[in-house]
Amino acid sequence: MYFYKLSRGFTREFKFGLGQEIRSLLTDLLDRVVIANNSSNQEKIIVLSNTEVLIEKIKLKGRLLKDMNAIKIKSYEYFSRQLIESSKQISAWKKWAEASRC
C-alpha cells in the first residue's frame, strides 16, 4: 500500500515507467503469496523461491528510484525495510515448508 501511495507523487516519467513496473511486481508478489498459501508443500517451496527472487527485483528497482532522485531517502528507507521484512517472512515460510515436507 505504501508504494502505491508514494507513486502518486512521481513525475510522469517515473509514474509510467519504473513506478508502473514496481507496482506490477508488487501485484505479482501478492498473487504469489495467495498461490503459495493454497499449494502443497512441494509447490509452495517453488513458489516461495520464485517470490524471493521477485522481492530482490523490487528492491533493485526501488534503489534505482532513489538513485535517480525520484524518491526521498526516508521513503526509500521505509520501503526497503518493508521489503526486507517481507523477505524474512517468505524465507521463514519456505523453511517451514521444507521442514514439513520430511
PDB file of N, CA and C in Angstrom:
ATOM      1  N   MET A   1       0.827  -1.187   0.000  1.00  0.00           N
ATOM      2  CA  MET A   1       0.000   0.000   0.000  1.00  0.00           C
ATOM      3  C   MET A   1       0.873   1.253   0.000  1.00  0.00           C
ATOM      4  N   TYR A   2       1.966   1.192   0.746  1.00  0.00           N
ATOM      5  CA  TYR A   2       2.826   2.365   0.855  1.00  0.00           C
ATOM      6  C   TYR A   2       3.324   2.815  -0.517  1.00  0.00           C
ATOM      7  N   PHE A   3       3.792   1.869  -1.321  1.00  0.00           N
ATOM      8  CA  PHE A   3       4.351   2.253  -2.615  1.00  0.00           C
ATOM      9  C   PHE A   3       3.278   2.824  -3.537  1.00  0.00           C
ATOM     10  N   TYR A   4       2.086   2.291  -3.488  1.00  0.00           N
ATOM     11  CA  TYR A   4       1.009   2.818  -4.327  1.00  0.00           C
ATOM     12  C   TYR A   4       0.738   4.281  -3.981  1.00  0.00           C
ATOM     13  N   LYS A   5       0.735   4.604  -2.698  1.00  0.00           N
ATOM     14  CA  LYS A   5       0.534   5.993  -2.279  1.00  0.00           C
ATOM     15  C   LYS A   5       1.739   6.853  -2.667  1.00  0.00           C
ATOM     16  N   LEU A   6       2.921   6.315  -2.469  1.00  0.00           N
ATOM     17  CA  LEU A   6       4.149   7.036  -2.789  1.00  0.00           C
ATOM     18  C   LEU A   6       4.231   7.366  -4.276  1.00  0.00           C
ATOM     19  N   SER A   7       3.844   6.424  -5.104  1.00  0.00           N
ATOM     20  CA  SER A   7       3.996   6.605  -6.551  1.00  0.00           C
ATOM     21  C   SER A   7       3.038   7.646  -7.130  1.00  0.00           C
ATOM     22  N   ARG A   8       2.015   8.020  -6.383  1.00  0.00           N
ATOM     23  CA  ARG A   8       1.107   9.075  -6.857  1.00  0.00           C
ATOM     24  C   ARG A   8       1.846  10.390  -7.075  1.00  0.00           C
ATOM     25  N   GLY A   9       2.885  10.629  -6.300  1.00  0.00           N
ATOM     26  CA  GLY A   9       3.630  11.876  -6.390  1.00  0.00           C
ATOM     27  C   GLY A   9       4.779  11.859  -7.391  1.00  0.00           C
ATOM     28  N   PHE A  10       4.963  10.753  -8.087  1.00  0.00           N
ATOM     29  CA  PHE A  10       6.049  10.664  -9.065  1.00  0.00           C
ATOM     30  C   PHE A  10       5.781  11.576 -10.259  1.00  0.00           C
ATOM     31  N   THR A  11       6.865  12.001 -10.889  1.00  0.00           N
ATOM     32  CA  THR A  11       6.716  12.710 -12.158  1.00  0.00           C
ATOM     33  C   THR A  11       6.217  11.719 -13.197  1.00  0.00           C
ATOM     34  N   ARG A  12       5.707  12.227 -14.273  1.00  0.00           N
ATOM     35  CA  ARG A  12       5.155  11.377 -15.334  1.00  0.00           C
ATOM     36  C   ARG A  12       6.169  10.326 -15.797  1.00  0.00           C
ATOM     37  N   GLU A  13       7.417  10.744 -15.915  1.00  0.00           N
ATOM     38  CA  GLU A  13       8.486   9.850 -16.366  1.00  0.00           C
ATOM     39  C   GLU A  13       8.596   8.610 -15.482  1.00  0.00           C
ATOM     40  N   PHE A  14       8.550   8.822 -14.175  1.00  0.00           N
ATOM     41  CA  PHE A  14       8.705   7.702 -13.241  1.00  0.00           C
ATOM     42  C   PHE A  14       7.386   6.990 -12.966  1.00  0.00           C
ATOM     43  N   LYS A  15       6.293   7.725 -12.980  1.00  0.00           N
ATOM     44  CA  LYS A  15       4.991   7.127 -12.688  1.00  0.00           C
ATOM     45  C   LYS A  15       4.633   6.047 -13.705  1.00  0.00           C
ATOM     46  N   PHE A  16       4.897   6.332 -14.979  1.00  0.00           N
ATOM     47  CA  PHE A  16       4.502   5.388 -16.018  1.00  0.00           C
ATOM     48  C   PHE A  16       5.650   4.519 -16.505  1.00  0.00           C
ATOM     49  N   GLY A  17       6.805   4.658 -15.914  1.00  0.00           N
ATOM     50  CA  GLY A  17       7.948   3.828 -16.252  1.00  0.00           C
ATOM     51  C   GLY A  17       8.261   2.882 -15.114  1.00  0.00           C
ATOM     52  N   LEU A  18       9.267   3.256 -14.361  1.00  0.00           N
ATOM     53  CA  LEU A  18       9.745   2.421 -13.266  1.00  0.00           C
ATOM     54  C   LEU A  18       8.686   2.229 -12.178  1.00  0.00           C
ATOM     55  N   GLY A  19       7.914   3.270 -11.904  1.00  0.00           N
ATOM     56  CA  GLY A  19       6.850   3.155 -10.904  1.00  0.00           C
ATOM     57  C   GLY A  19       5.825   2.107 -11.288  1.00  0.00           C
ATOM     58  N   GLN A  20       5.433   2.092 -12.549  1.00  0.00           N
ATOM     59  CA  GLN A  20       4.463   1.099 -13.025  1.00  0.00           C
ATOM     60  C   GLN A  20       5.049  -0.312 -12.955  1.00  0.00           C
ATOM     61  N   GLU A  21       6.335  -0.438 -13.283  1.00  0.00           N
ATOM     62  CA  GLU A  21       6.981  -1.751 -13.195  1.00  0.00           C
ATOM     63  C   GLU A  21       6.947  -2.275 -11.761  1.00  0.00           C
ATOM     64  N   ILE A  22       7.268  -1.411 -10.810  1.00  0.00           N
ATOM     65  CA  ILE A  22       7.280  -1.830  -9.408  1.00  0.00           C
ATOM     66  C   ILE A  22       5.873  -2.167  -8.937  1.00  0.00           C
ATOM     67  N   ARG A  23       4.896  -1.359  -9.319  1.00  0.00           N
ATOM     68  CA  ARG A  23       3.504  -1.672  -8.938  1.00  0.00           C
ATOM     69  C   ARG A  23       3.094  -3.038  -9.490  1.00  0.00           C
ATOM     70  N   SER A  24       3.479  -3.327 -10.704  1.00  0.00           N
ATOM     71  CA  SER A  24       3.168  -4.620 -11.320  1.00  0.00           C
ATOM     72  C   SER A  24       3.852  -5.764 -10.556  1.00  0.00           C
ATOM     73  N   LEU A  25       5.113  -5.571 -10.193  1.00  0.00           N
ATOM     74  CA  LEU A  25       5.833  -6.597  -9.432  1.00  0.00           C
ATOM     75  C   LEU A  25       5.213  -6.792  -8.053  1.00  0.00           C
ATOM     76  N   LEU A  26       4.772  -5.722  -7.434  1.00  0.00           N
ATOM     77  CA  LEU A  26       4.118  -5.835  -6.123  1.00  0.00           C
ATOM     78  C   LEU A  26       2.797  -6.594  -6.220  1.00  0.00           C
ATOM     79  N   THR A  27       2.064  -6.369  -7.293  1.00  0.00           N
ATOM     80  CA  THR A  27       0.826  -7.123  -7.517  1.00  0.00           C
ATOM     81  C   THR A  27       1.142  -8.601  -7.714  1.00  0.00           C
ATOM     82  N   ASP A  28       2.204  -8.869  -8.466  1.00  0.00           N
ATOM     83  CA  ASP A  28       2.645 -10.248  -8.682  1.00  0.00           C
ATOM     84  C   ASP A  28       3.051 -10.884  -7.349  1.00  0.00           C
ATOM     85  N   LEU A  29       3.687 -10.108  -6.488  1.00  0.00           N
ATOM     86  CA  LEU A  29       4.071 -10.600  -5.170  1.00  0.00           C
ATOM     87  C   LEU A  29       2.849 -11.039  -4.369  1.00  0.00           C
ATOM     88  N   LEU A  30       1.820 -10.222  -4.372  1.00  0.00           N
ATOM     89  CA  LEU A  30       0.581 -10.590  -3.665  1.00  0.00           C
ATOM     90  C   LEU A  30      -0.031 -11.863  -4.254  1.00  0.00           C
ATOM     91  N   ASP A  31      -0.038 -11.951  -5.573  1.00  0.00           N
ATOM     92  CA  ASP A  31      -0.572 -13.147  -6.236  1.00  0.00           C
ATOM     93  C   ASP A  31       0.186 -14.401  -5.817  1.00  0.00           C
ATOM     94  N   ARG A  32       1.500 -14.278  -5.744  1.00  0.00           N
ATOM     95  CA  ARG A  32       2.319 -15.438  -5.371  1.00  0.00           C
ATOM     96  C   ARG A  32       2.074 -15.871  -3.931  1.00  0.00           C
ATOM     97  N   VAL A  33       1.825 -14.935  -3.057  1.00  0.00           N
ATOM     98  CA  VAL A  33       1.520 -15.283  -1.660  1.00  0.00           C
ATOM     99  C   VAL A  33       0.221 -16.084  -1.606  1.00  0.00           C
ATOM    100  N   VAL A  34      -0.775 -15.669  -2.375  1.00  0.00           N
ATOM    101  CA  VAL A  34      -2.052 -16.393  -2.422  1.00  0.00           C
ATOM    102  C   VAL A  34      -1.836 -17.791  -2.994  1.00  0.00           C
ATOM    103  N   ILE A  35      -1.058 -17.887  -4.063  1.00  0.00           N
ATOM    104  CA  ILE A  35      -0.789 -19.190  -4.689  1.00  0.00           C
ATOM    105  C   ILE A  35      -0.054 -20.099  -3.709  1.00  0.00           C
ATOM    106  N   ALA A  36       0.978 -19.572  -3.049  1.00  0.00           N
ATOM    107  CA  ALA A  36       1.741 -20.382  -2.095  1.00  0.00           C
ATOM    108  C   ALA A  36       0.854 -20.854  -0.948  1.00  0.00           C
ATOM    109  N   ASN A  37      -0.020 -19.990  -0.496  1.00  0.00           N
ATOM    110  CA  ASN A  37      -0.902 -20.330   0.611  1.00  0.00           C
ATOM    111  C   ASN A  37      -1.851 -21.471   0.263  1.00  0.00           C
ATOM    112  N   ASN A  38      -2.141 -21.629  -1.011  1.00  0.00           N
ATOM    113  CA  ASN A  38      -3.084 -22.662  -1.445  1.00  0.00           C
ATOM    114  C   ASN A  38      -2.397 -23.818  -2.169  1.00  0.00           C
ATOM    115  N   SER A  39      -1.107 -23.986  -1.956  1.00  0.00           N
ATOM    116  CA  SER A  39      -0.346 -25.027  -2.652  1.00  0.00           C
ATOM    117  C   SER A  39       0.117 -26.106  -1.678  1.00  0.00           C
ATOM    118  N   SER A  40       0.484 -27.251  -2.255  1.00  0.00           N
ATOM    119  CA  SER A  40       1.099 -28.308  -1.455  1.00  0.00           C
ATOM    120  C   SER A  40       2.492 -27.830  -1.047  1.00  0.00           C
ATOM    121  N   ASN A  41       3.094 -28.504  -0.087  1.00  0.00           N
ATOM    122  CA  ASN A  41       4.404 -28.062   0.397  1.00  0.00           C
ATOM    123  C   ASN A  41       5.450 -28.030  -0.710  1.00  0.00           C
ATOM    124  N   GLN A  42       5.453 -29.018  -1.583  1.00  0.00           N
ATOM    125  CA  GLN A  42       6.441 -29.045  -2.671  1.00  0.00           C
ATOM    126  C   GLN A  42       6.244 -27.849  -3.604  1.00  0.00           C
ATOM    127  N   GLU A  43       5.004 -27.599  -3.997  1.00  0.00           N
ATOM    128  CA  GLU A  43       4.710 -26.444  -4.857  1.00  0.00           C
ATOM    129  C   GLU A  43       4.990 -25.140  -4.119  1.00  0.00           C
ATOM    130  N   LYS A  44       4.667 -25.113  -2.840  1.00  0.00           N
ATOM    131  CA  LYS A  44       4.872 -23.924  -2.006  1.00  0.00           C
ATOM    132  C   LYS A  44       6.346 -23.520  -2.016  1.00  0.00           C
ATOM    133  N   ILE A  45       7.246 -24.501  -1.892  1.00  0.00           N
ATOM    134  CA  ILE A  45       8.682 -24.222  -1.871  1.00  0.00           C
ATOM    135  C   ILE A  45       9.123 -23.567  -3.173  1.00  0.00           C
ATOM    136  N   ILE A  46       8.625 -24.063  -4.282  1.00  0.00           N
ATOM    137  CA  ILE A  46       8.974 -23.497  -5.591  1.00  0.00           C
ATOM    138  C   ILE A  46       8.445 -22.073  -5.729  1.00  0.00           C
ATOM    139  N   VAL A  47       7.203 -21.881  -5.370  1.00  0.00           N
ATOM    140  CA  VAL A  47       6.588 -20.549  -5.476  1.00  0.00           C
ATOM    141  C   VAL A  47       7.309 -19.561  -4.567  1.00  0.00           C
ATOM    142  N   LEU A  48       7.627 -19.983  -3.357  1.00  0.00           N
ATOM    143  CA  LEU A  48       8.299 -19.086  -2.424  1.00  0.00           C
ATOM    144  C   LEU A  48       9.727 -18.768  -2.860  1.00  0.00           C
ATOM    145  N   SER A  49      10.398 -19.722  -3.479  1.00  0.00           N
ATOM    146  CA  SER A  49      11.739 -19.453  -4.023  1.00  0.00           C
ATOM    147  C   SER A  49      11.664 -18.386  -5.110  1.00  0.00           C
ATOM    148  N   ASN A  50      10.682 -18.523  -5.977  1.00  0.00           N
ATOM    149  CA  ASN A  50      10.486 -17.523  -7.032  1.00  0.00           C
ATOM    150  C   ASN A  50      10.084 -16.172  -6.439  1.00  0.00           C
ATOM    151  N   THR A  51       9.366 -16.200  -5.345  1.00  0.00           N
ATOM    152  CA  THR A  51       8.949 -14.971  -4.682  1.00  0.00           C
ATOM    153  C   THR A  51      10.146 -14.246  -4.083  1.00  0.00           C
ATOM    154  N   GLU A  52      11.102 -15.000  -3.563  1.00  0.00           N
ATOM    155  CA  GLU A  52      12.320 -14.379  -3.041  1.00  0.00           C
ATOM    156  C   GLU A  52      13.060 -13.611  -4.140  1.00  0.00           C
ATOM    157  N   VAL A  53      13.121 -14.195  -5.313  1.00  0.00           N
ATOM    158  CA  VAL A  53      13.759 -13.525  -6.461  1.00  0.00           C
ATOM    159  C   VAL A  53      12.971 -12.275  -6.844  1.00  0.00           C
ATOM    160  N   LEU A  54      11.675 -12.381  -6.827  1.00  0.00           N
ATOM    161  CA  LEU A  54      10.818 -11.244  -7.151  1.00  0.00           C
ATOM    162  C   LEU A  54      11.062 -10.079  -6.191  1.00  0.00           C
ATOM    163  N   ILE A  55      11.191 -10.375  -4.920  1.00  0.00           N
ATOM    164  CA  ILE A  55      11.455  -9.323  -3.930  1.00  0.00           C
ATOM    165  C   ILE A  55      12.800  -8.648  -4.219  1.00  0.00           C
ATOM    166  N   GLU A  56      13.788  -9.414  -4.625  1.00  0.00           N
ATOM    167  CA  GLU A  56      15.087  -8.826  -4.972  1.00  0.00           C
ATOM    168  C   GLU A  56      14.956  -7.876  -6.167  1.00  0.00           C
ATOM    169  N   LYS A  57      14.143  -8.247  -7.134  1.00  0.00           N
ATOM    170  CA  LYS A  57      13.899  -7.358  -8.282  1.00  0.00           C
ATOM    171  C   LYS A  57      13.267  -6.049  -7.825  1.00  0.00           C
ATOM    172  N   ILE A  58      12.306  -6.150  -6.923  1.00  0.00           N
ATOM    173  CA  ILE A  58      11.626  -4.953  -6.417  1.00  0.00           C
ATOM    174  C   ILE A  58      12.617  -4.077  -5.662  1.00  0.00           C
ATOM    175  N   LYS A  59      13.479  -4.700  -4.849  1.00  0.00           N
ATOM    176  CA  LYS A  59      14.487  -3.940  -4.107  1.00  0.00           C
ATOM    177  C   LYS A  59      15.395  -3.166  -5.061  1.00  0.00           C
ATOM    178  N   LEU A  60      15.845  -3.830  -6.112  1.00  0.00           N
ATOM    179  CA  LEU A  60      16.737  -3.177  -7.080  1.00  0.00           C
ATOM    180  C   LEU A  60      16.056  -2.014  -7.787  1.00  0.00           C
ATOM    181  N   LYS A  61      14.826  -2.205  -8.174  1.00  0.00           N
ATOM    182  CA  LYS A  61      14.100  -1.134  -8.861  1.00  0.00           C
ATOM    183  C   LYS A  61      13.802   0.028  -7.909  1.00  0.00           C
ATOM    184  N   GLY A  62      13.553  -0.284  -6.643  1.00  0.00           N
ATOM    185  CA  GLY A  62      13.384   0.758  -5.642  1.00  0.00           C
ATOM    186  C   GLY A  62      14.671   1.546  -5.454  1.00  0.00           C
ATOM    187  N   ARG A  63      15.789   0.841  -5.465  1.00  0.00           N
ATOM    188  CA  ARG A  63      17.089   1.513  -5.352  1.00  0.00           C
ATOM    189  C   ARG A  63      17.328   2.442  -6.545  1.00  0.00           C
ATOM    190  N   LEU A  64      16.914   2.005  -7.726  1.00  0.00           N
ATOM    191  CA  LEU A  64      17.037   2.869  -8.905  1.00  0.00           C
ATOM    192  C   LEU A  64      16.255   4.166  -8.717  1.00  0.00           C
ATOM    193  N   LEU A  65      15.051   4.053  -8.179  1.00  0.00           N
ATOM    194  CA  LEU A  65      14.248   5.253  -7.928  1.00  0.00           C
ATOM    195  C   LEU A  65      14.982   6.213  -6.995  1.00  0.00           C
ATOM    196  N   LYS A  66      15.594   5.664  -5.960  1.00  0.00           N
ATOM    197  CA  LYS A  66      16.337   6.509  -5.022  1.00  0.00           C
ATOM    198  C   LYS A  66      17.542   7.138  -5.705  1.00  0.00           C
ATOM    199  N   ASP A  67      18.293   6.332  -6.438  1.00  0.00           N
ATOM    200  CA  ASP A  67      19.498   6.830  -7.104  1.00  0.00           C
ATOM    201  C   ASP A  67      19.186   7.894  -8.161  1.00  0.00           C
ATOM    202  N   MET A  68      17.998   7.824  -8.730  1.00  0.00           N
ATOM    203  CA  MET A  68      17.583   8.800  -9.741  1.00  0.00           C
ATOM    204  C   MET A  68      16.827   9.973  -9.115  1.00  0.00           C
ATOM    205  N   ASN A  69      16.833  10.015  -7.786  1.00  0.00           N
ATOM    206  CA  ASN A  69      16.186  11.089  -7.021  1.00  0.00           C
ATOM    207  C   ASN A  69      14.686  11.208  -7.289  1.00  0.00           C
ATOM    208  N   ALA A  70      14.056  10.087  -7.589  1.00  0.00           N
ATOM    209  CA  ALA A  70      12.603  10.076  -7.780  1.00  0.00           C
ATOM    210  C   ALA A  70      11.882   9.964  -6.436  1.00  0.00           C
ATOM    211  N   ILE A  71      12.569   9.399  -5.439  1.00  0.00           N
ATOM    212  CA  ILE A  71      12.010   9.325  -4.092  1.00  0.00           C
ATOM    213  C   ILE A  71      13.057   9.815  -3.096  1.00  0.00           C
ATOM    214  N   LYS A  72      12.583  10.292  -1.978  1.00  0.00           N
ATOM    215  CA  LYS A  72      13.478  10.782  -0.922  1.00  0.00           C
ATOM    216  C   LYS A  72      14.077   9.602  -0.171  1.00  0.00           C
ATOM    217  N   ILE A  73      15.190   9.868   0.460  1.00  0.00           N
ATOM    218  CA  ILE A  73      15.903   8.823   1.193  1.00  0.00           C
ATOM    219  C   ILE A  73      15.039   8.198   2.281  1.00  0.00           C
ATOM    220  N   LYS A  74      14.249   8.996   2.974  1.00  0.00           N
ATOM    221  CA  LYS A  74      13.381   8.470   4.040  1.00  0.00           C
ATOM    222  C   LYS A  74      12.332   7.513   3.461  1.00  0.00           C
ATOM    223  N   SER A  75      11.770   7.874   2.329  1.00  0.00           N
ATOM    224  CA  SER A  75      10.786   6.998   1.680  1.00  0.00           C
ATOM    225  C   SER A  75      11.442   5.703   1.233  1.00  0.00           C
ATOM    226  N   TYR A  76      12.645   5.818   0.682  1.00  0.00           N
ATOM    227  CA  TYR A  76      13.379   4.633   0.248  1.00  0.00           C
ATOM    228  C   TYR A  76      13.692   3.728   1.444  1.00  0.00           C
ATOM    229  N   GLU A  77      14.133   4.308   2.544  1.00  0.00           N
ATOM    230  CA  GLU A  77      14.455   3.520   3.727  1.00  0.00           C
ATOM    231  C   GLU A  77      13.234   2.763   4.237  1.00  0.00           C
ATOM    232  N   TYR A  78      12.108   3.439   4.307  1.00  0.00           N
ATOM    233  CA  TYR A  78      10.889   2.786   4.786  1.00  0.00           C
ATOM    234  C   TYR A  78      10.478   1.657   3.840  1.00  0.00           C
ATOM    235  N   PHE A  79      10.479   1.937   2.538  1.00  0.00           N
ATOM    236  CA  PHE A  79      10.108   0.943   1.534  1.00  0.00           C
ATOM    237  C   PHE A  79      11.048  -0.256   1.609  1.00  0.00           C
ATOM    238  N   SER A  80      12.343   0.001   1.736  1.00  0.00           N
ATOM    239  CA  SER A  80      13.329  -1.076   1.829  1.00  0.00           C
ATOM    240  C   SER A  80      13.117  -1.929   3.072  1.00  0.00           C
ATOM    241  N   ARG A  81      12.835  -1.281   4.198  1.00  0.00           N
ATOM    242  CA  ARG A  81      12.581  -2.040   5.429  1.00  0.00           C
ATOM    243  C   ARG A  81      11.369  -2.947   5.271  1.00  0.00           C
ATOM    244  N   GLN A  82      10.341  -2.450   4.607  1.00  0.00           N
ATOM    245  CA  GLN A  82       9.146  -3.272   4.386  1.00  0.00           C
ATOM    246  C   GLN A  82       9.472  -4.480   3.506  1.00  0.00           C
ATOM    247  N   LEU A  83      10.285  -4.266   2.482  1.00  0.00           N
ATOM    248  CA  LEU A  83      10.680  -5.373   1.608  1.00  0.00           C
ATOM    249  C   LEU A  83      11.559  -6.381   2.344  1.00  0.00           C
ATOM    250  N   ILE A  84      12.460  -5.893   3.187  1.00  0.00           N
ATOM    251  CA  ILE A  84      13.316  -6.789   3.966  1.00  0.00           C
ATOM    252  C   ILE A  84      12.474  -7.627   4.919  1.00  0.00           C
ATOM    253  N   GLU A  85      11.508  -7.005   5.550  1.00  0.00           N
ATOM    254  CA  GLU A  85      10.608  -7.736   6.453  1.00  0.00           C
ATOM    255  C   GLU A  85       9.818  -8.800   5.684  1.00  0.00           C
ATOM    256  N   SER A  86       9.316  -8.435   4.520  1.00  0.00           N
ATOM    257  CA  SER A  86       8.578  -9.400   3.688  1.00  0.00           C
ATOM    258  C   SER A  86       9.484 -10.547   3.270  1.00  0.00           C
ATOM    259  N   SER A  87      10.713 -10.229   2.921  1.00  0.00           N
ATOM    260  CA  SER A  87      11.677 -11.248   2.518  1.00  0.00           C
ATOM    261  C   SER A  87      11.955 -12.219   3.662  1.00  0.00           C
ATOM    262  N   LYS A  88      12.092 -11.705   4.869  1.00  0.00           N
ATOM    263  CA  LYS A  88      12.306 -12.572   6.038  1.00  0.00           C
ATOM    264  C   LYS A  88      11.116 -13.498   6.268  1.00  0.00           C
ATOM    265  N   GLN A  89       9.915 -12.963   6.114  1.00  0.00           N
ATOM    266  CA  GLN A  89       8.719 -13.776   6.312  1.00  0.00           C
ATOM    267  C   GLN A  89       8.626 -14.876   5.251  1.00  0.00           C
ATOM    268  N   ILE A  90       8.925 -14.523   4.007  1.00  0.00           N
ATOM    269  CA  ILE A  90       8.890 -15.514   2.922  1.00  0.00           C
ATOM    270  C   ILE A  90       9.934 -16.604   3.171  1.00  0.00           C
ATOM    271  N   SER A  91      11.135 -16.204   3.579  1.00  0.00           N
ATOM    272  CA  SER A  91      12.201 -17.182   3.857  1.00  0.00           C
ATOM    273  C   SER A  91      11.815 -18.116   4.998  1.00  0.00           C
ATOM    274  N   ALA A  92      11.235 -17.559   6.049  1.00  0.00           N
ATOM    275  CA  ALA A  92      10.810 -18.395   7.182  1.00  0.00           C
ATOM    276  C   ALA A  92       9.705 -19.354   6.755  1.00  0.00           C
ATOM    277  N   TRP A  93       8.789 -18.886   5.942  1.00  0.00           N
ATOM    278  CA  TRP A  93       7.700 -19.727   5.445  1.00  0.00           C
ATOM    279  C   TRP A  93       8.258 -20.856   4.590  1.00  0.00           C
ATOM    280  N   LYS A  94       9.239 -20.532   3.757  1.00  0.00           N
ATOM    281  CA  LYS A  94       9.865 -21.539   2.897  1.00  0.00           C
ATOM    282  C   LYS A  94      10.580 -22.594   3.749  1.00  0.00           C
ATOM    283  N   LYS A  95      11.313 -22.161   4.780  1.00  0.00           N
ATOM    284  CA  LYS A  95      11.994 -23.117   5.670  1.00  0.00           C
ATOM    285  C   LYS A  95      10.985 -24.025   6.377  1.00  0.00           C
ATOM    286  N   TRP A  96       9.861 -23.443   6.801  1.00  0.00           N
ATOM    287  CA  TRP A  96       8.819 -24.243   7.428  1.00  0.00           C
ATOM    288  C   TRP A  96       8.289 -25.283   6.457  1.00  0.00           C
ATOM    289  N   ALA A  97       8.059 -24.887   5.210  1.00  0.00           N
ATOM    290  CA  ALA A  97       7.532 -25.827   4.208  1.00  0.00           C
ATOM    291  C   ALA A  97       8.544 -26.917   3.923  1.00  0.00           C
ATOM    292  N   GLU A  98       9.824 -26.581   3.887  1.00  0.00           N
ATOM    293  CA  GLU A  98      10.866 -27.582   3.649  1.00  0.00           C
ATOM    294  C   GLU A  98      10.934 -28.563   4.819  1.00  0.00           C
ATOM    295  N   ALA A  99      10.809 -28.063   6.030  1.00  0.00           N
ATOM    296  CA  ALA A  99      10.839 -28.931   7.213  1.00  0.00           C
ATOM    297  C   ALA A  99       9.597 -29.818   7.285  1.00  0.00           C
ATOM    298  N   SER A 100       8.467 -29.304   6.846  1.00  0.00           N
ATOM    299  CA  SER A 100       7.202 -30.059   6.882  1.00  0.00           C
ATOM    300  C   SER A 100       7.152 -31.126   5.809  1.00  0.00           C
ATOM    301  N   ARG A 101       7.967 -30.968   4.787  1.00  0.00           N
ATOM    302  CA  ARG A 101       7.983 -31.901   3.673  1.00  0.00           C
ATOM    303  C   ARG A 101       8.512 -33.273   4.092  1.00  0.00           C
ATOM    304  N   CYS A 102       9.394 -33.296   5.076  1.00  0.00           N
ATOM    305  CA  CYS A 102      10.042 -34.548   5.506  1.00  0.00           C
ATOM    306  C   CYS A 102       9.119 -35.470   6.241  1.00  0.00           C
TER     307      CYS A 102
END
